[in-house]
């Protein structure tokens, strides 16, 4: 198994040692370095553990005509470890294959996790999930969809890959209700809430640009 990519060269960072202490599905590095301080001097020797997860992509599926979003719910062990409800409300997301365009990743994940293919995309932004200890960079987009009609409580069905033992519930939400829940702090998944905050600011524009095309 190959190790993680080296830390990029930067004029204000001096890496003095770089050890891969675990190399399972994702690598864990222990890096000793010095970085330039705001006063221009170099810092003392610092030791950080860095979890290398790489690039990921996430999609907020939005129907501008029905003014609805489609979200998923699934079990997350780290949420339980953090003392939260382990069943989290999320938008479809996944890791990019090496060299893969994030737009390709998020279309694949949306098809796998909710059997929906976005017709076009609007970029929300790129975000680090935990810059204090992990390099995962998530490319977040909104995607134009036609939201299926939901059953009881908006539930659209179940999905997930059997070989990964995924158990995903798909639910249609009125956009206003989902946005209000995000602002009320009901969605601890940061990418989900961030995408809904963006939708709150851009909802009318998407309705005008996508809803009439």
Foldseek 3Di string as FASTA:
>chain_A
DDADDDDDDDPFKAWDDWDFPDPDVWTKIWTWIWGQDPVGDIDPIDIAIAIEPEEKEFEFEAALQQQKTKWKWFADVVCVVVVHDRTAIGTFMDGDDVPHDNVVRHQVRCCQWPVWGFPDKDWDAWDDPCVRHYDYIYTYIYGHTDDDQADVQQWDAWGHDVVVPTTMTMGMDNLVVQQVCLVVVVGPPVSSSSVSVVCVVCSVVCSVPVVVD
